[in-house]
PDB file of N, CA and C in Angstrom:
ATOM      1  N   UNK A   1     -17.410  -6.227   3.671  1.00  0.00           N
ATOM      2  CA  UNK A   1     -16.916  -5.450   2.549  1.00  0.00           C
ATOM      3  C   UNK A   1     -15.668  -4.679   2.983  1.00  0.00           C
ATOM      4  N   UNK A   2     -14.684  -4.684   2.145  1.00  0.00           N
ATOM      5  CA  UNK A   2     -13.411  -4.013   2.425  1.00  0.00           C
ATOM      6  C   UNK A   2     -13.559  -2.509   2.244  1.00  0.00           C
ATOM      7  N   UNK A   3     -13.051  -1.755   3.218  1.00  0.00           N
ATOM      8  CA  UNK A   3     -13.105  -0.291   3.168  1.00  0.00           C
ATOM      9  C   UNK A   3     -11.684   0.255   3.199  1.00  0.00           C
ATOM     10  N   UNK A   4     -11.363   1.149   2.266  1.00  0.00           N
ATOM     11  CA  UNK A   4     -10.045   1.782   2.202  1.00  0.00           C
ATOM     12  C   UNK A   4      -9.970   2.833   3.303  1.00  0.00           C
ATOM     13  N   UNK A   5      -9.030   2.646   4.244  1.00  0.00           N
ATOM     14  CA  UNK A   5      -8.897   3.566   5.376  1.00  0.00           C
ATOM     15  C   UNK A   5      -7.938   4.711   5.119  1.00  0.00           C
ATOM     16  N   UNK A   6      -6.850   4.414   4.432  1.00  0.00           N
ATOM     17  CA  UNK A   6      -5.789   5.417   4.317  1.00  0.00           C
ATOM     18  C   UNK A   6      -4.881   5.060   3.156  1.00  0.00           C
ATOM     19  N   UNK A   7      -4.288   6.070   2.570  1.00  0.00           N
ATOM     20  CA  UNK A   7      -3.339   5.906   1.482  1.00  0.00           C
ATOM     21  C   UNK A   7      -2.123   6.768   1.797  1.00  0.00           C
ATOM     22  N   UNK A   8      -0.941   6.155   1.794  1.00  0.00           N
ATOM     23  CA  UNK A   8       0.301   6.898   2.039  1.00  0.00           C
ATOM     24  C   UNK A   8       1.168   6.758   0.793  1.00  0.00           C
ATOM     25  N   UNK A   9       1.519   7.882   0.191  1.00  0.00           N
ATOM     26  CA  UNK A   9       2.354   7.891  -1.007  1.00  0.00           C
ATOM     27  C   UNK A   9       3.824   8.048  -0.654  1.00  0.00           C
ATOM     28  N   UNK A  10       4.684   7.377  -1.408  1.00  0.00           N
ATOM     29  CA  UNK A  10       6.124   7.608  -1.299  1.00  0.00           C
ATOM     30  C   UNK A  10       6.394   9.005  -1.861  1.00  0.00           C
ATOM     31  N   UNK A  11       7.475   9.622  -1.477  1.00  0.00           N
ATOM     32  CA  UNK A  11       7.801  10.991  -1.887  1.00  0.00           C
ATOM     33  C   UNK A  11       7.750  11.229  -3.386  1.00  0.00           C
ATOM     34  N   UNK A  12       8.198  10.269  -4.176  1.00  0.00           N
ATOM     35  CA  UNK A  12       8.192  10.431  -5.636  1.00  0.00           C
ATOM     36  C   UNK A  12       6.861  10.018  -6.261  1.00  0.00           C
ATOM     37  N   UNK A  13       5.915   9.583  -5.432  1.00  0.00           N
ATOM     38  CA  UNK A  13       4.568   9.176  -5.840  1.00  0.00           C
ATOM     39  C   UNK A  13       4.573   7.987  -6.808  1.00  0.00           C
ATOM     40  N   UNK A  14       5.632   7.199  -6.773  1.00  0.00           N
ATOM     41  CA  UNK A  14       5.711   6.013  -7.625  1.00  0.00           C
ATOM     42  C   UNK A  14       5.480   4.723  -6.836  1.00  0.00           C
ATOM     43  N   UNK A  15       5.144   4.866  -5.566  1.00  0.00           N
ATOM     44  CA  UNK A  15       4.768   3.737  -4.717  1.00  0.00           C
ATOM     45  C   UNK A  15       3.813   4.265  -3.661  1.00  0.00           C
ATOM     46  N   UNK A  16       2.960   3.366  -3.163  1.00  0.00           N
ATOM     47  CA  UNK A  16       1.991   3.768  -2.145  1.00  0.00           C
ATOM     48  C   UNK A  16       1.592   2.555  -1.318  1.00  0.00           C
ATOM     49  N   UNK A  17       1.112   2.838  -0.113  1.00  0.00           N
ATOM     50  CA  UNK A  17       0.591   1.797   0.765  1.00  0.00           C
ATOM     51  C   UNK A  17      -0.838   2.181   1.114  1.00  0.00           C
ATOM     52  N   UNK A  18      -1.747   1.231   0.955  1.00  0.00           N
ATOM     53  CA  UNK A  18      -3.141   1.428   1.332  1.00  0.00           C
ATOM     54  C   UNK A  18      -3.473   0.511   2.500  1.00  0.00           C
ATOM     55  N   UNK A  19      -4.232   1.030   3.455  1.00  0.00           N
ATOM     56  CA  UNK A  19      -4.683   0.260   4.604  1.00  0.00           C
ATOM     57  C   UNK A  19      -6.176   0.013   4.457  1.00  0.00           C
ATOM     58  N   UNK A  20      -6.602  -1.210   4.793  1.00  0.00           N
ATOM     59  CA  UNK A  20      -7.985  -1.613   4.595  1.00  0.00           C
ATOM     60  C   UNK A  20      -8.612  -2.132   5.881  1.00  0.00           C
ATOM     61  N   UNK A  21      -9.876  -1.799   6.079  1.00  0.00           N
ATOM     62  CA  UNK A  21     -10.713  -2.344   7.144  1.00  0.00           C
ATOM     63  C   UNK A  21     -11.634  -3.349   6.459  1.00  0.00           C
ATOM     64  N   UNK A  22     -11.561  -4.605   6.856  1.00  0.00           N
ATOM     65  CA  UNK A  22     -12.352  -5.649   6.198  1.00  0.00           C
ATOM     66  C   UNK A  22     -13.779  -5.740   6.741  1.00  0.00           C
ATOM     67  N   UNK A  23     -14.105  -4.926   7.742  1.00  0.00           N
ATOM     68  CA  UNK A  23     -15.459  -4.880   8.249  1.00  0.00           C
ATOM     69  C   UNK A  23     -15.822  -6.041   9.164  1.00  0.00           C
ATOM     70  N   UNK A  24     -14.856  -6.897   9.464  1.00  0.00           N
ATOM     71  CA  UNK A  24     -15.104  -8.056  10.324  1.00  0.00           C
ATOM     72  C   UNK A  24     -14.130  -8.095  11.496  1.00  0.00           C
ATOM     73  N   UNK A  25     -13.548  -6.929  11.797  1.00  0.00           N
ATOM     74  CA  UNK A  25     -12.583  -6.856  12.892  1.00  0.00           C
ATOM     75  C   UNK A  25     -11.140  -7.059  12.455  1.00  0.00           C
ATOM     76  N   UNK A  26     -10.912  -7.241  11.162  1.00  0.00           N
ATOM     77  CA  UNK A  26      -9.559  -7.440  10.649  1.00  0.00           C
ATOM     78  C   UNK A  26      -9.155  -6.314   9.709  1.00  0.00           C
ATOM     79  N   UNK A  27      -7.826  -6.085   9.657  1.00  0.00           N
ATOM     80  CA  UNK A  27      -7.247  -5.021   8.841  1.00  0.00           C
ATOM     81  C   UNK A  27      -6.110  -5.604   8.024  1.00  0.00           C
ATOM     82  N   UNK A  28      -5.766  -4.923   6.931  1.00  0.00           N
ATOM     83  CA  UNK A  28      -4.634  -5.366   6.104  1.00  0.00           C
ATOM     84  C   UNK A  28      -4.048  -4.155   5.393  1.00  0.00           C
ATOM     85  N   UNK A  29      -2.958  -4.390   4.666  1.00  0.00           N
ATOM     86  CA  UNK A  29      -2.370  -3.328   3.845  1.00  0.00           C
ATOM     87  C   UNK A  29      -1.812  -3.928   2.570  1.00  0.00           C
ATOM     88  N   UNK A  30      -1.645  -3.061   1.580  1.00  0.00           N
ATOM     89  CA  UNK A  30      -1.048  -3.464   0.312  1.00  0.00           C
ATOM     90  C   UNK A  30      -0.147  -2.347  -0.179  1.00  0.00           C
ATOM     91  N   UNK A  31       1.068  -2.711  -0.589  1.00  0.00           N
ATOM     92  CA  UNK A  31       1.968  -1.759  -1.235  1.00  0.00           C
ATOM     93  C   UNK A  31       1.854  -1.980  -2.733  1.00  0.00           C
ATOM     94  N   UNK A  32       1.707  -0.901  -3.476  1.00  0.00           N
ATOM     95  CA  UNK A  32       1.714  -0.974  -4.936  1.00  0.00           C
ATOM     96  C   UNK A  32       2.764  -0.011  -5.465  1.00  0.00           C
ATOM     97  N   UNK A  33       3.336  -0.354  -6.615  1.00  0.00           N
ATOM     98  CA  UNK A  33       4.365   0.470  -7.255  1.00  0.00           C
ATOM     99  C   UNK A  33       3.974   0.747  -8.698  1.00  0.00           C
ATOM    100  N   UNK A  34       4.373   1.906  -9.172  1.00  0.00           N
ATOM    101  CA  UNK A  34       4.143   2.231 -10.570  1.00  0.00           C
ATOM    102  C   UNK A  34       5.032   1.341 -11.427  1.00  0.00           C
ATOM    103  N   UNK A  35       4.446   0.761 -12.456  1.00  0.00           N
ATOM    104  CA  UNK A  35       5.200  -0.100 -13.364  1.00  0.00           C
ATOM    105  C   UNK A  35       4.947   0.375 -14.794  1.00  0.00           C
ATOM    106  N   UNK A  36       5.915   0.145 -15.645  1.00  0.00           N
ATOM    107  CA  UNK A  36       5.784   0.521 -17.045  1.00  0.00           C
ATOM    108  C   UNK A  36       6.150  -0.685 -17.903  1.00  0.00           C
ATOM    109  N   UNK A  37       5.240  -1.060 -18.786  1.00  0.00           N
ATOM    110  CA  UNK A  37       5.500  -2.118 -19.762  1.00  0.00           C
ATOM    111  C   UNK A  37       5.522  -1.482 -21.141  1.00  0.00           C
ATOM    112  N   UNK A  38       6.456  -1.908 -21.956  1.00  0.00           N
ATOM    113  CA  UNK A  38       6.536  -1.394 -23.317  1.00  0.00           C
ATOM    114  C   UNK A  38       5.764  -2.325 -24.234  1.00  0.00           C
ATOM    115  N   UNK A  39       4.630  -1.849 -24.700  1.00  0.00           N
ATOM    116  CA  UNK A  39       3.795  -2.626 -25.611  1.00  0.00           C
ATOM    117  C   UNK A  39       4.180  -2.266 -27.040  1.00  0.00           C
ATOM    118  N   UNK A  40       4.545  -3.254 -27.863  1.00  0.00           N
ATOM    119  CA  UNK A  40       5.045  -2.967 -29.213  1.00  0.00           C
ATOM    120  C   UNK A  40       4.107  -2.108 -30.063  1.00  0.00           C
ATOM    121  N   UNK A  41       2.828  -2.287 -29.944  1.00  0.00           N
ATOM    122  CA  UNK A  41       1.881  -1.558 -30.791  1.00  0.00           C
ATOM    123  C   UNK A  41       1.402  -0.244 -30.170  1.00  0.00           C
ATOM    124  N   UNK A  42       1.455  -0.178 -28.845  1.00  0.00           N
ATOM    125  CA  UNK A  42       0.882   0.978 -28.159  1.00  0.00           C
ATOM    126  C   UNK A  42       1.905   1.884 -27.493  1.00  0.00           C
ATOM    127  N   UNK A  43       3.120   1.388 -27.316  1.00  0.00           N
ATOM    128  CA  UNK A  43       4.136   2.150 -26.610  1.00  0.00           C
ATOM    129  C   UNK A  43       4.094   1.829 -25.127  1.00  0.00           C
ATOM    130  N   UNK A  44       4.691   2.687 -24.298  1.00  0.00           N
ATOM    131  CA  UNK A  44       4.747   2.403 -22.867  1.00  0.00           C
ATOM    132  C   UNK A  44       3.361   2.502 -22.200  1.00  0.00           C
ATOM    133  N   UNK A  45       3.058   1.511 -21.364  1.00  0.00           N
ATOM    134  CA  UNK A  45       1.812   1.489 -20.597  1.00  0.00           C
ATOM    135  C   UNK A  45       2.172   1.551 -19.110  1.00  0.00           C
ATOM    136  N   UNK A  46       1.595   2.490 -18.391  1.00  0.00           N
ATOM    137  CA  UNK A  46       1.872   2.652 -16.968  1.00  0.00           C
ATOM    138  C   UNK A  46       0.678   2.124 -16.174  1.00  0.00           C
ATOM    139  N   UNK A  47       0.975   1.380 -15.092  1.00  0.00           N
ATOM    140  CA  UNK A  47      -0.080   0.829 -14.243  1.00  0.00           C
ATOM    141  C   UNK A  47       0.472   0.603 -12.838  1.00  0.00           C
ATOM    142  N   UNK A  48      -0.411   0.291 -11.876  1.00  0.00           N
ATOM    143  CA  UNK A  48      -0.009  -0.002 -10.503  1.00  0.00           C
ATOM    144  C   UNK A  48       0.109  -1.509 -10.339  1.00  0.00           C
ATOM    145  N   UNK A  49       1.273  -1.953  -9.855  1.00  0.00           N
ATOM    146  CA  UNK A  49       1.555  -3.380  -9.639  1.00  0.00           C
ATOM    147  C   UNK A  49       1.686  -3.627  -8.140  1.00  0.00           C
ATOM    148  N   UNK A  50       1.039  -4.673  -7.648  1.00  0.00           N
ATOM    149  CA  UNK A  50       1.148  -5.026  -6.234  1.00  0.00           C
ATOM    150  C   UNK A  50       2.557  -5.528  -5.951  1.00  0.00           C
ATOM    151  N   UNK A  51       3.195  -4.954  -4.929  1.00  0.00           N
ATOM    152  CA  UNK A  51       4.541  -5.390  -4.563  1.00  0.00           C
ATOM    153  C   UNK A  51       4.574  -6.034  -3.183  1.00  0.00           C
ATOM    154  N   UNK A  52       3.509  -5.839  -2.391  1.00  0.00           N
ATOM    155  CA  UNK A  52       3.401  -6.506  -1.096  1.00  0.00           C
ATOM    156  C   UNK A  52       1.939  -6.514  -0.668  1.00  0.00           C
ATOM    157  N   UNK A  53       1.429  -7.693  -0.353  1.00  0.00           N
ATOM    158  CA  UNK A  53       0.068  -7.841   0.152  1.00  0.00           C
ATOM    159  C   UNK A  53       0.166  -8.517   1.508  1.00  0.00           C
ATOM    160  N   UNK A  54      -0.338  -7.863   2.525  1.00  0.00           N
ATOM    161  CA  UNK A  54      -0.185  -8.370   3.892  1.00  0.00           C
ATOM    162  C   UNK A  54      -1.201  -9.455   4.207  1.00  0.00           C
ATOM    163  N   UNK A  55      -1.001 -10.034   5.378  1.00  0.00           N
ATOM    164  CA  UNK A  55      -2.008 -10.901   5.966  1.00  0.00           C
ATOM    165  C   UNK A  55      -3.019 -10.042   6.701  1.00  0.00           C
ATOM    166  N   UNK A  56      -3.750 -10.654   7.629  1.00  0.00           N
ATOM    167  CA  UNK A  56      -4.770  -9.939   8.392  1.00  0.00           C
ATOM    168  C   UNK A  56      -4.254  -9.595   9.785  1.00  0.00           C
ATOM    169  N   UNK A  57      -4.705  -8.464  10.296  1.00  0.00           N
ATOM    170  CA  UNK A  57      -4.296  -7.966  11.611  1.00  0.00           C
ATOM    171  C   UNK A  57      -5.526  -7.658  12.442  1.00  0.00           C
ATOM    172  N   UNK A  58      -5.389  -7.754  13.752  1.00  0.00           N
ATOM    173  CA  UNK A  58      -6.503  -7.499  14.673  1.00  0.00           C
ATOM    174  C   UNK A  58      -6.768  -6.015  14.875  1.00  0.00           C
ATOM    175  N   UNK A  59      -5.836  -5.143  14.450  1.00  0.00           N
ATOM    176  CA  UNK A  59      -6.047  -3.697  14.590  1.00  0.00           C
ATOM    177  C   UNK A  59      -5.347  -2.953  13.457  1.00  0.00           C
ATOM    178  N   UNK A  60      -5.825  -1.740  13.229  1.00  0.00           N
ATOM    179  CA  UNK A  60      -5.207  -0.862  12.220  1.00  0.00           C
ATOM    180  C   UNK A  60      -3.777  -0.538  12.633  1.00  0.00           C
ATOM    181  N   UNK A  61      -3.571  -0.307  13.936  1.00  0.00           N
ATOM    182  CA  UNK A  61      -2.235   0.024  14.437  1.00  0.00           C
ATOM    183  C   UNK A  61      -1.257  -1.124  14.210  1.00  0.00           C
ATOM    184  N   UNK A  62      -1.697  -2.354  14.405  1.00  0.00           N
ATOM    185  CA  UNK A  62      -0.827  -3.515  14.182  1.00  0.00           C
ATOM    186  C   UNK A  62      -0.462  -3.639  12.703  1.00  0.00           C
ATOM    187  N   UNK A  63      -1.412  -3.372  11.826  1.00  0.00           N
ATOM    188  CA  UNK A  63      -1.136  -3.423  10.379  1.00  0.00           C
ATOM    189  C   UNK A  63      -0.103  -2.364  10.007  1.00  0.00           C
ATOM    190  N   UNK A  64      -0.255  -1.152  10.547  1.00  0.00           N
ATOM    191  CA  UNK A  64       0.704  -0.088  10.220  1.00  0.00           C
ATOM    192  C   UNK A  64       2.085  -0.384  10.789  1.00  0.00           C
ATOM    193  N   UNK A  65       2.156  -0.898  12.004  1.00  0.00           N
ATOM    194  CA  UNK A  65       3.456  -1.255  12.592  1.00  0.00           C
ATOM    195  C   UNK A  65       4.181  -2.256  11.707  1.00  0.00           C
ATOM    196  N   UNK A  66       3.462  -3.283  11.257  1.00  0.00           N
ATOM    197  CA  UNK A  66       4.085  -4.299  10.409  1.00  0.00           C
ATOM    198  C   UNK A  66       4.484  -3.714   9.055  1.00  0.00           C
ATOM    199  N   UNK A  67       3.638  -2.870   8.488  1.00  0.00           N
ATOM    200  CA  UNK A  67       3.959  -2.238   7.201  1.00  0.00           C
ATOM    201  C   UNK A  67       5.241  -1.422   7.318  1.00  0.00           C
ATOM    202  N   UNK A  68       5.362  -0.644   8.384  1.00  0.00           N
ATOM    203  CA  UNK A  68       6.555   0.181   8.567  1.00  0.00           C
ATOM    204  C   UNK A  68       7.801  -0.664   8.794  1.00  0.00           C
ATOM    205  N   UNK A  69       7.647  -1.831   9.381  1.00  0.00           N
ATOM    206  CA  UNK A  69       8.816  -2.696   9.601  1.00  0.00           C
ATOM    207  C   UNK A  69       9.238  -3.404   8.308  1.00  0.00           C
ATOM    208  N   UNK A  70       8.313  -3.606   7.369  1.00  0.00           N
ATOM    209  CA  UNK A  70       8.603  -4.346   6.131  1.00  0.00           C
ATOM    210  C   UNK A  70       8.951  -3.465   4.934  1.00  0.00           C
ATOM    211  N   UNK A  71       8.462  -2.240   4.913  1.00  0.00           N
ATOM    212  CA  UNK A  71       8.600  -1.376   3.728  1.00  0.00           C
ATOM    213  C   UNK A  71       9.546  -0.230   4.075  1.00  0.00           C
ATOM    214  N   UNK A  72      10.791  -0.287   3.602  1.00  0.00           N
ATOM    215  CA  UNK A  72      11.806   0.692   4.012  1.00  0.00           C
ATOM    216  C   UNK A  72      11.411   2.154   3.808  1.00  0.00           C
ATOM    217  N   UNK A  73      10.867   2.522   2.655  1.00  0.00           N
ATOM    218  CA  UNK A  73      10.555   3.931   2.409  1.00  0.00           C
ATOM    219  C   UNK A  73       9.457   4.435   3.340  1.00  0.00           C
ATOM    220  N   UNK A  74       8.582   3.549   3.810  1.00  0.00           N
ATOM    221  CA  UNK A  74       7.478   3.959   4.667  1.00  0.00           C
ATOM    222  C   UNK A  74       7.960   4.413   6.048  1.00  0.00           C
ATOM    223  N   UNK A  75       9.103   3.908   6.482  1.00  0.00           N
ATOM    224  CA  UNK A  75       9.648   4.310   7.788  1.00  0.00           C
ATOM    225  C   UNK A  75       9.969   5.800   7.839  1.00  0.00           C
ATOM    226  N   UNK A  76      10.285   6.382   6.701  1.00  0.00           N
ATOM    227  CA  UNK A  76      10.667   7.793   6.646  1.00  0.00           C
ATOM    228  C   UNK A  76       9.455   8.730   6.526  1.00  0.00           C
ATOM    229  N   UNK A  77       8.263   8.166   6.380  1.00  0.00           N
ATOM    230  CA  UNK A  77       7.056   8.971   6.214  1.00  0.00           C
ATOM    231  C   UNK A  77       6.366   9.117   7.561  1.00  0.00           C
ATOM    232  N   UNK A  78       5.941  10.339   7.899  1.00  0.00           N
ATOM    233  CA  UNK A  78       5.224  10.561   9.156  1.00  0.00           C
ATOM    234  C   UNK A  78       3.937   9.754   9.183  1.00  0.00           C
ATOM    235  N   UNK A  79       3.617   9.218  10.341  1.00  0.00           N
ATOM    236  CA  UNK A  79       2.370   8.456  10.506  1.00  0.00           C
ATOM    237  C   UNK A  79       1.181   9.387  10.404  1.00  0.00           C
ATOM    238  N   UNK A  80       0.121   8.971   9.692  1.00  0.00           N
ATOM    239  CA  UNK A  80      -1.076   9.804   9.597  1.00  0.00           C
ATOM    240  C   UNK A  80      -1.835   9.800  10.922  1.00  0.00           C
ATOM    241  N   UNK A  81      -2.649  10.813  11.124  1.00  0.00           N
ATOM    242  CA  UNK A  81      -3.498  10.873  12.308  1.00  0.00           C
ATOM    243  C   UNK A  81      -4.594   9.825  12.154  1.00  0.00           C
ATOM    244  N   UNK A  82      -4.776   8.974  13.153  1.00  0.00           N
ATOM    245  CA  UNK A  82      -5.818   7.936  13.075  1.00  0.00           C
ATOM    246  C   UNK A  82      -7.060   8.382  13.793  1.00  0.00           C
TER     247      UNK A  82
END
């Protein structure tokens, strides 16, 4: 079962990266961004859209290293205490 380990928000809180422990020795991450669709009958609808889904990593540290190398805004955010 996948367990959410950590959530890092971009400064404007319109994007975030979540790190997951898959419970089998593997880890991954996903970047999501706030998206807005204009629905003709309902008006604007806001939701989270996946913008990057990683592969699997042998450690949480390896997943974070790769996330920071791929996601520009994440490089400017301090690393959380693990």
